[in-house]
Amino acid sequence: MQRIGTLFTVLFLVLGAAACGGDDDVEPVEFGSGELPETVPGGFPLPDGSAIGSTLIDRVNHRTEFAVNARSDLSATVAFFTVELVNEGYVVDRSDGTDLNWEVEFSKGSLRGEIVLSALDSGTAAVVSLNRS
């Protein structure tokens, strides 16, 4: 629940930054759903049959977030991300959690990321956060 509170805090701060102005041609903050954001690197691994939920592109802070629902259980989804991130050239910096919640931190060059996963009755919910420094 702390991560959800953090996500809402970030969204509030981003909305405040968006109200301060920016480039007229590009929205500094863009919300969406159902499609992988354009700022996600090509080849970023997602479990087969997963569904993209809400998305956020924060161009001011170079941050992208999106929700993913996977059909597989938590342990299988964690294993998928851990293996496939490495296969795509990412370094898994940390991976730990419980039977109900898990966090995976990873990096690749200037990209830092985190996946917060939660067990559901019918699969796994995850929030992926990507940040370029």
Foldseek 3Di string as FASTA:
>chain_A
DVVVVVVVVVVVVLVVVQVVDDDPVDRQKDKDAFDDDPLDDPQQDDDPPKTKGIKMQHNVQQKIKTKIWDQAFDVVRLVRNCVSCVVVPKAFPDWDDDNAWIKTWIDDVQKTKMKIWGGDPRGIMIMIMIGGD
